[in-house]
Each structure stands twice: as C-alpha cells, then as structure tokens.
Amino acid sequence: MIKSNQTHEKKIEIMRAATSLIKKRGLQALSFEAVANESGLSRQLVRYYFTDLDALILELCTFLGNRYRDTLVTGIVDVGQVERLRFFLDFFFDLAAEHPMPDDLEVYDSLLAYAVGSEELKVRLCDQYKTLGQVIAHELAIAHPELDGHGCEELSFLFVSMMHAHWSFVASLGHSRDHGRLTRRAIDRLIESYINDSSNERSVDAPWSRNM
C-alpha cells in the first residue's frame, strides 16, 4: 500500500511538472529531461514511470480530465439541485466565480494537436468529451423537458464544440477572458432557438458519431 501511494504521488508530481512545462513553453518543449528538470526528479525516475512520451501524454490527459471532474463535482455539491444546468454552463466558460476552472486550458488544447498522430489519445479525448456531452444532454433534458432527446444531444455536441473553440482562442491565443460572457450568452440563445423550433428536423442522425 505504501509503495502504491508513493507511485501515485510521484506520478502526480510528474503530471504537474508536465502541465507547468507545456503551459510555459508549449508542447514542443516536452521531453523527459525537461519534465525531470521541472519536477526536480531524475530523468531515470521519470522514465521508470513512463516508458515513452506517448504514455506520459495519455496519463496527462487523464490527469487533466480528473481535475476538471473533481472541481465540477465540488461545485455541483455546493449548488445542490437548483439551477444545475446554469452552473454547468457557467463553469465551462469560467463564470462560476466560486468554482473557477483549472488554469491549464492551453495544456488541454495542446493535447488535440498531439492526438493527430496518436489514435489512442484521440480515442481517450473523444471519450472524455462524449462523457461531458452526455452529462450536458442529461442536464438539458431536466432543465428543458420540452426538448426531445435528439435535440439535447445536438445541443450537447454544439456546446462542447463551442466550449473547445472558445478556449482555443482565449487560453491558447491569448484573447481576453471577458469573451466568456459572449460565448456563454450564445449558448443560451442556441438553447432558446432549439426550444422555439417545432420542426424537430434532424441535422445529423447520430450526434457524437465518429468515422472509424
């Protein structure tokens, strides 16, 4: 048990160092030597836990995803059952003042670029985003029972797409975080447009489907 805890703690140190390194210098700076220097650990120890950079990146993806999940769950507990959809949407545009998003959005964004050459990372990111989409679709259905299931799925895909593009502009390219209010308001208008559209015409048969 002690060894297991030590392994977990060392891996967390490495993940924090990798996050800090990418945030400061970009994905192109990632190497075992650079991570070791950032963490204060030896290069050999970093290599002991991660045989190659692909393994480290995959672990980093899970590490970042867990940080968002844990922060979000804490906020959900605090707000209880009232206005939960609003909290979700505010949180992901960094407008939930008492529950700020983790400050590593550009690091998460960089994983998308890395995923171009890594099918395993691509699948892991798709699973994370799809899980988020399922949560948003569920909350939409509760908050807006007038929406059918397909409409909720379409909206969840659009939300995740807009959220990712938003943070690519803001965190990675350096636009003002004030734009969070702009995109957040656009989400409300998008939801309203679906509620007011009685045609039930489907834009795509299976939201969240992938070309395999």
C-alpha atoms as a PDB file:
ATOM      1  CA  MET A   1       0.000   0.000   0.000  1.00  0.00           C
ATOM      2  CA  ILE A   2       2.847   2.393   0.894  1.00  0.00           C
ATOM      3  CA  LYS A   3       4.604   1.684  -2.403  1.00  0.00           C
ATOM      4  CA  SER A   4       1.332   2.200  -4.295  1.00  0.00           C
ATOM      5  CA  ASN A   5       0.827   5.580  -2.606  1.00  0.00           C
ATOM      6  CA  GLN A   6       4.405   6.590  -3.369  1.00  0.00           C
ATOM      7  CA  THR A   7       3.947   5.642  -7.020  1.00  0.00           C
ATOM      8  CA  HIS A   8       0.759   7.691  -7.206  1.00  0.00           C
ATOM      9  CA  GLU A   9       2.430  10.705  -5.583  1.00  0.00           C
ATOM     10  CA  LYS A  10       5.433  10.566  -7.925  1.00  0.00           C
ATOM     11  CA  LYS A  11       3.173  10.322 -10.952  1.00  0.00           C
ATOM     12  CA  ILE A  12       1.196  13.338  -9.723  1.00  0.00           C
ATOM     13  CA  GLU A  13       4.470  15.264  -9.374  1.00  0.00           C
ATOM     14  CA  ILE A  14       5.361  14.340 -12.942  1.00  0.00           C
ATOM     15  CA  MET A  15       1.920  15.308 -14.243  1.00  0.00           C
ATOM     16  CA  ARG A  16       2.087  18.677 -12.510  1.00  0.00           C
ATOM     17  CA  ALA A  17       5.545  19.262 -13.939  1.00  0.00           C
ATOM     18  CA  ALA A  18       4.420  18.322 -17.454  1.00  0.00           C
ATOM     19  CA  THR A  19       1.404  20.612 -17.131  1.00  0.00           C
ATOM     20  CA  SER A  20       3.575  23.515 -15.961  1.00  0.00           C
ATOM     21  CA  LEU A  21       6.140  22.889 -18.702  1.00  0.00           C
ATOM     22  CA  ILE A  22       3.586  22.822 -21.529  1.00  0.00           C
ATOM     23  CA  LYS A  23       1.810  25.847 -20.123  1.00  0.00           C
ATOM     24  CA  LYS A  24       5.038  27.886 -20.035  1.00  0.00           C
ATOM     25  CA  ARG A  25       6.852  26.635 -23.132  1.00  0.00           C
ATOM     26  CA  GLY A  26       4.387  24.687 -25.267  1.00  0.00           C
ATOM     27  CA  LEU A  27       4.065  21.052 -26.256  1.00  0.00           C
ATOM     28  CA  GLN A  28       7.216  21.288 -28.372  1.00  0.00           C
ATOM     29  CA  ALA A  29       9.253  21.656 -25.169  1.00  0.00           C
ATOM     30  CA  LEU A  30       8.062  18.350 -23.756  1.00  0.00           C
ATOM     31  CA  SER A  31      10.857  15.853 -23.156  1.00  0.00           C
ATOM     32  CA  PHE A  32      11.885  13.536 -20.346  1.00  0.00           C
ATOM     33  CA  GLU A  33      14.789  15.784 -19.456  1.00  0.00           C
ATOM     34  CA  ALA A  34      12.610  18.906 -19.382  1.00  0.00           C
ATOM     35  CA  VAL A  35       9.950  17.192 -17.251  1.00  0.00           C
ATOM     36  CA  ALA A  36      12.636  15.932 -14.883  1.00  0.00           C
ATOM     37  CA  ASN A  37      14.094  19.429 -14.514  1.00  0.00           C
ATOM     38  CA  GLU A  38      10.635  20.909 -13.945  1.00  0.00           C
ATOM     39  CA  SER A  39       9.709  18.315 -11.329  1.00  0.00           C
ATOM     40  CA  GLY A  40      13.058  18.140  -9.541  1.00  0.00           C
ATOM     41  CA  LEU A  41      13.125  14.385 -10.127  1.00  0.00           C
ATOM     42  CA  SER A  42      15.734  12.421 -12.019  1.00  0.00           C
ATOM     43  CA  ARG A  43      15.280  11.642 -15.699  1.00  0.00           C
ATOM     44  CA  GLN A  44      15.693   7.962 -14.862  1.00  0.00           C
ATOM     45  CA  LEU A  45      12.809   8.114 -12.384  1.00  0.00           C
ATOM     46  CA  VAL A  46      10.525   9.800 -14.901  1.00  0.00           C
ATOM     47  CA  ARG A  47      11.442   7.096 -17.439  1.00  0.00           C
ATOM     48  CA  TYR A  48      10.768   4.446 -14.804  1.00  0.00           C
ATOM     49  CA  TYR A  49       7.133   5.509 -14.586  1.00  0.00           C
ATOM     50  CA  PHE A  50       6.653   6.339 -18.280  1.00  0.00           C
ATOM     51  CA  THR A  51       8.404   4.312 -20.952  1.00  0.00           C
ATOM     52  CA  ASP A  52       7.796   6.892 -23.698  1.00  0.00           C
ATOM     53  CA  LEU A  53       6.247  10.314 -24.227  1.00  0.00           C
ATOM     54  CA  ASP A  54       3.049   8.784 -25.611  1.00  0.00           C
ATOM     55  CA  ALA A  55       2.455   7.045 -22.274  1.00  0.00           C
ATOM     56  CA  LEU A  56       3.136  10.274 -20.406  1.00  0.00           C
ATOM     57  CA  ILE A  57       0.738  12.237 -22.631  1.00  0.00           C
ATOM     58  CA  LEU A  58      -2.013   9.646 -22.159  1.00  0.00           C
ATOM     59  CA  GLU A  59      -1.600   9.853 -18.391  1.00  0.00           C
ATOM     60  CA  LEU A  60      -1.619  13.651 -18.628  1.00  0.00           C
ATOM     61  CA  CYS A  61      -4.941  13.539 -20.495  1.00  0.00           C
ATOM     62  CA  THR A  62      -6.494  11.501 -17.687  1.00  0.00           C
ATOM     63  CA  PHE A  63      -4.893  13.717 -15.031  1.00  0.00           C
ATOM     64  CA  LEU A  64      -6.329  16.896 -16.555  1.00  0.00           C
ATOM     65  CA  GLY A  65      -9.733  15.309 -17.093  1.00  0.00           C
ATOM     66  CA  ASN A  66      -9.866  14.257 -13.441  1.00  0.00           C
ATOM     67  CA  ARG A  67      -9.027  17.793 -12.293  1.00  0.00           C
ATOM     68  CA  TYR A  68     -11.983  19.199 -14.212  1.00  0.00           C
ATOM     69  CA  ARG A  69     -14.259  16.444 -12.946  1.00  0.00           C
ATOM     70  CA  ASP A  70     -13.265  16.945  -9.312  1.00  0.00           C
ATOM     71  CA  THR A  71     -13.697  20.726  -9.487  1.00  0.00           C
ATOM     72  CA  LEU A  72     -17.048  20.326 -11.206  1.00  0.00           C
ATOM     73  CA  VAL A  73     -18.318  17.753  -8.713  1.00  0.00           C
ATOM     74  CA  THR A  74     -17.398  20.053  -5.822  1.00  0.00           C
ATOM     75  CA  GLY A  75     -19.427  22.813  -7.435  1.00  0.00           C
ATOM     76  CA  ILE A  76     -22.397  20.538  -8.080  1.00  0.00           C
ATOM     77  CA  VAL A  77     -22.477  19.544  -4.409  1.00  0.00           C
ATOM     78  CA  ASP A  78     -22.424  23.208  -3.417  1.00  0.00           C
ATOM     79  CA  VAL A  79     -25.266  24.282  -5.719  1.00  0.00           C
ATOM     80  CA  GLY A  80     -27.397  21.203  -4.983  1.00  0.00           C
ATOM     81  CA  GLN A  81     -30.315  20.556  -7.313  1.00  0.00           C
ATOM     82  CA  VAL A  82     -31.108  24.206  -8.078  1.00  0.00           C
ATOM     83  CA  GLU A  83     -30.117  25.734 -11.436  1.00  0.00           C
ATOM     84  CA  ARG A  84     -27.673  22.892 -12.122  1.00  0.00           C
ATOM     85  CA  LEU A  85     -27.582  23.387 -15.896  1.00  0.00           C
ATOM     86  CA  ARG A  86     -26.769  27.059 -15.401  1.00  0.00           C
ATOM     87  CA  PHE A  87     -23.888  26.103 -13.127  1.00  0.00           C
ATOM     88  CA  PHE A  88     -22.510  23.638 -15.692  1.00  0.00           C
ATOM     89  CA  LEU A  89     -22.588  26.215 -18.463  1.00  0.00           C
ATOM     90  CA  ASP A  90     -21.186  28.998 -16.281  1.00  0.00           C
ATOM     91  CA  PHE A  91     -18.400  26.726 -15.061  1.00  0.00           C
ATOM     92  CA  PHE A  92     -17.160  25.798 -18.520  1.00  0.00           C
ATOM     93  CA  PHE A  93     -16.906  29.454 -19.525  1.00  0.00           C
ATOM     94  CA  ASP A  94     -15.199  30.326 -16.226  1.00  0.00           C
ATOM     95  CA  LEU A  95     -18.142  32.365 -14.966  1.00  0.00           C
ATOM     96  CA  ALA A  96     -18.788  30.360 -11.791  1.00  0.00           C
ATOM     97  CA  ALA A  97     -16.951  32.788  -9.530  1.00  0.00           C
ATOM     98  CA  GLU A  98     -16.616  30.477  -6.523  1.00  0.00           C
ATOM     99  CA  HIS A  99     -15.594  27.476  -8.642  1.00  0.00           C
ATOM    100  CA  PRO A 100     -13.020  28.619 -11.234  1.00  0.00           C
ATOM    101  CA  MET A 101     -11.839  26.218 -13.892  1.00  0.00           C
ATOM    102  CA  PRO A 102      -8.337  24.748 -13.512  1.00  0.00           C
ATOM    103  CA  ASP A 103      -5.824  27.152 -15.025  1.00  0.00           C
ATOM    104  CA  ASP A 104      -4.400  24.749 -17.613  1.00  0.00           C
ATOM    105  CA  LEU A 105      -6.718  25.165 -20.580  1.00  0.00           C
ATOM    106  CA  GLU A 106      -3.946  25.746 -23.101  1.00  0.00           C
ATOM    107  CA  VAL A 107      -2.377  22.460 -21.991  1.00  0.00           C
ATOM    108  CA  TYR A 108      -5.611  20.591 -22.672  1.00  0.00           C
ATOM    109  CA  ASP A 109      -5.827  22.384 -26.009  1.00  0.00           C
ATOM    110  CA  SER A 110      -2.337  21.194 -26.955  1.00  0.00           C
ATOM    111  CA  LEU A 111      -3.420  17.582 -26.492  1.00  0.00           C
ATOM    112  CA  LEU A 112      -5.714  17.947 -29.505  1.00  0.00           C
ATOM    113  CA  ALA A 113      -2.717  18.698 -31.699  1.00  0.00           C
ATOM    114  CA  TYR A 114      -0.831  15.711 -30.304  1.00  0.00           C
ATOM    115  CA  ALA A 115      -3.839  13.480 -30.928  1.00  0.00           C
ATOM    116  CA  VAL A 116      -3.406  13.926 -34.699  1.00  0.00           C
ATOM    117  CA  GLY A 117      -0.590  11.378 -34.518  1.00  0.00           C
ATOM    118  CA  SER A 118      -1.920   9.265 -31.661  1.00  0.00           C
ATOM    119  CA  GLU A 119      -5.076   7.230 -32.151  1.00  0.00           C
ATOM    120  CA  GLU A 120      -5.050   6.153 -28.516  1.00  0.00           C
ATOM    121  CA  LEU A 121      -5.018   9.748 -27.298  1.00  0.00           C
ATOM    122  CA  LYS A 122      -7.666  10.660 -29.857  1.00  0.00           C
ATOM    123  CA  VAL A 123      -9.964   7.937 -28.525  1.00  0.00           C
ATOM    124  CA  ARG A 124      -9.342   8.993 -24.931  1.00  0.00           C
ATOM    125  CA  LEU A 125     -10.149  12.628 -25.689  1.00  0.00           C
ATOM    126  CA  CYS A 126     -13.252  11.627 -27.635  1.00  0.00           C
ATOM    127  CA  ASP A 127     -14.423   9.547 -24.682  1.00  0.00           C
ATOM    128  CA  GLN A 128     -13.879  12.444 -22.277  1.00  0.00           C
ATOM    129  CA  TYR A 129     -15.697  14.933 -24.468  1.00  0.00           C
ATOM    130  CA  LYS A 130     -18.527  12.490 -25.170  1.00  0.00           C
ATOM    131  CA  THR A 131     -18.964  11.861 -21.440  1.00  0.00           C
ATOM    132  CA  LEU A 132     -19.177  15.607 -20.891  1.00  0.00           C
ATOM    133  CA  GLY A 133     -21.698  15.789 -23.732  1.00  0.00           C
ATOM    134  CA  GLN A 134     -23.828  13.079 -22.139  1.00  0.00           C
ATOM    135  CA  VAL A 135     -23.853  14.979 -18.841  1.00  0.00           C
ATOM    136  CA  ILE A 136     -24.864  18.212 -20.587  1.00  0.00           C
ATOM    137  CA  ALA A 137     -27.590  16.396 -22.567  1.00  0.00           C
ATOM    138  CA  HIS A 138     -28.931  14.938 -19.316  1.00  0.00           C
ATOM    139  CA  GLU A 139     -28.999  18.346 -17.622  1.00  0.00           C
ATOM    140  CA  LEU A 140     -30.671  19.912 -20.667  1.00  0.00           C
ATOM    141  CA  ALA A 141     -33.396  17.280 -20.544  1.00  0.00           C
ATOM    142  CA  ILE A 142     -34.047  18.036 -16.867  1.00  0.00           C
ATOM    143  CA  ALA A 143     -33.996  21.825 -17.266  1.00  0.00           C
ATOM    144  CA  HIS A 144     -35.954  21.855 -20.540  1.00  0.00           C
ATOM    145  CA  PRO A 145     -38.382  18.906 -20.742  1.00  0.00           C
ATOM    146  CA  GLU A 146     -39.841  20.456 -23.899  1.00  0.00           C
ATOM    147  CA  LEU A 147     -36.674  19.409 -25.750  1.00  0.00           C
ATOM    148  CA  ASP A 148     -36.606  15.893 -27.186  1.00  0.00           C
ATOM    149  CA  GLY A 149     -33.644  13.585 -26.643  1.00  0.00           C
ATOM    150  CA  HIS A 150     -32.156  14.186 -30.074  1.00  0.00           C
ATOM    151  CA  GLY A 151     -32.290  17.946 -29.610  1.00  0.00           C
ATOM    152  CA  CYS A 152     -30.481  17.607 -26.289  1.00  0.00           C
ATOM    153  CA  GLU A 153     -27.767  15.511 -27.955  1.00  0.00           C
ATOM    154  CA  GLU A 154     -27.320  18.023 -30.760  1.00  0.00           C
ATOM    155  CA  LEU A 155     -27.081  20.867 -28.264  1.00  0.00           C
ATOM    156  CA  SER A 156     -24.570  18.952 -26.166  1.00  0.00           C
ATOM    157  CA  PHE A 157     -22.328  18.467 -29.209  1.00  0.00           C
ATOM    158  CA  LEU A 158     -22.628  22.137 -30.140  1.00  0.00           C
ATOM    159  CA  PHE A 159     -21.871  23.184 -26.566  1.00  0.00           C
ATOM    160  CA  VAL A 160     -18.699  21.084 -26.362  1.00  0.00           C
ATOM    161  CA  SER A 161     -17.595  22.287 -29.817  1.00  0.00           C
ATOM    162  CA  MET A 162     -18.127  25.929 -28.889  1.00  0.00           C
ATOM    163  CA  MET A 163     -16.501  25.479 -25.492  1.00  0.00           C
ATOM    164  CA  HIS A 164     -13.367  23.946 -27.003  1.00  0.00           C
ATOM    165  CA  ALA A 165     -13.105  26.543 -29.766  1.00  0.00           C
ATOM    166  CA  HIS A 166     -13.661  29.314 -27.228  1.00  0.00           C
ATOM    167  CA  TRP A 167     -10.762  28.205 -25.039  1.00  0.00           C
ATOM    168  CA  SER A 168      -8.516  27.683 -28.062  1.00  0.00           C
ATOM    169  CA  PHE A 169      -8.980  31.385 -28.799  1.00  0.00           C
ATOM    170  CA  VAL A 170      -8.841  32.590 -25.211  1.00  0.00           C
ATOM    171  CA  ALA A 171      -6.319  30.368 -23.463  1.00  0.00           C
ATOM    172  CA  SER A 172      -4.096  29.342 -26.372  1.00  0.00           C
ATOM    173  CA  LEU A 173      -4.202  32.500 -28.495  1.00  0.00           C
ATOM    174  CA  GLY A 174      -4.494  34.985 -25.659  1.00  0.00           C
ATOM    175  CA  HIS A 175      -7.799  36.728 -26.282  1.00  0.00           C
ATOM    176  CA  SER A 176      -9.475  38.337 -23.271  1.00  0.00           C
ATOM    177  CA  ARG A 177     -11.271  36.005 -20.881  1.00  0.00           C
ATOM    178  CA  ASP A 178     -14.105  38.544 -20.937  1.00  0.00           C
ATOM    179  CA  HIS A 179     -15.241  36.759 -24.099  1.00  0.00           C
ATOM    180  CA  GLY A 180     -16.572  34.017 -21.805  1.00  0.00           C
ATOM    181  CA  ARG A 181     -19.699  36.085 -21.312  1.00  0.00           C
ATOM    182  CA  LEU A 182     -20.122  36.422 -25.077  1.00  0.00           C
ATOM    183  CA  THR A 183     -19.930  32.692 -25.768  1.00  0.00           C
ATOM    184  CA  ARG A 184     -21.956  31.819 -22.695  1.00  0.00           C
ATOM    185  CA  ARG A 185     -24.762  34.108 -23.890  1.00  0.00           C
ATOM    186  CA  ALA A 186     -24.566  32.494 -27.332  1.00  0.00           C
ATOM    187  CA  ILE A 187     -25.207  29.111 -25.703  1.00  0.00           C
ATOM    188  CA  ASP A 188     -28.387  30.462 -24.080  1.00  0.00           C
ATOM    189  CA  ARG A 189     -29.560  31.775 -27.439  1.00  0.00           C
ATOM    190  CA  LEU A 190     -28.767  28.455 -29.078  1.00  0.00           C
ATOM    191  CA  ILE A 191     -30.809  26.564 -26.494  1.00  0.00           C
ATOM    192  CA  GLU A 192     -33.656  29.049 -26.947  1.00  0.00           C
ATOM    193  CA  SER A 193     -33.587  28.539 -30.712  1.00  0.00           C
ATOM    194  CA  TYR A 194     -33.995  24.770 -30.263  1.00  0.00           C
ATOM    195  CA  ILE A 195     -36.878  25.289 -27.839  1.00  0.00           C
ATOM    196  CA  ASN A 196     -38.636  27.609 -30.303  1.00  0.00           C
ATOM    197  CA  ASP A 197     -38.076  25.332 -33.303  1.00  0.00           C
ATOM    198  CA  SER A 198     -41.065  22.998 -33.508  1.00  0.00           C
ATOM    199  CA  SER A 199     -39.992  21.271 -36.735  1.00  0.00           C
ATOM    200  CA  ASN A 200     -37.904  18.576 -34.972  1.00  0.00           C
ATOM    201  CA  GLU A 201     -35.830  18.349 -38.158  1.00  0.00           C
ATOM    202  CA  ARG A 202     -32.612  16.464 -37.512  1.00  0.00           C
ATOM    203  CA  SER A 203     -29.347  17.967 -38.662  1.00  0.00           C
ATOM    204  CA  VAL A 204     -27.478  14.676 -38.223  1.00  0.00           C
ATOM    205  CA  ASP A 205     -28.776  11.192 -37.476  1.00  0.00           C
ATOM    206  CA  ALA A 206     -26.293  10.349 -34.733  1.00  0.00           C
ATOM    207  CA  PRO A 207     -24.652  13.205 -32.823  1.00  0.00           C
ATOM    208  CA  TRP A 208     -21.243  12.239 -31.408  1.00  0.00           C
ATOM    209  CA  SER A 209     -20.714   9.502 -34.039  1.00  0.00           C
ATOM    210  CA  ARG A 210     -17.170   9.091 -35.392  1.00  0.00           C
ATOM    211  CA  ASN A 211     -15.728   7.967 -38.696  1.00  0.00           C
ATOM    212  CA  MET A 212     -13.782   4.830 -37.838  1.00  0.00           C
END
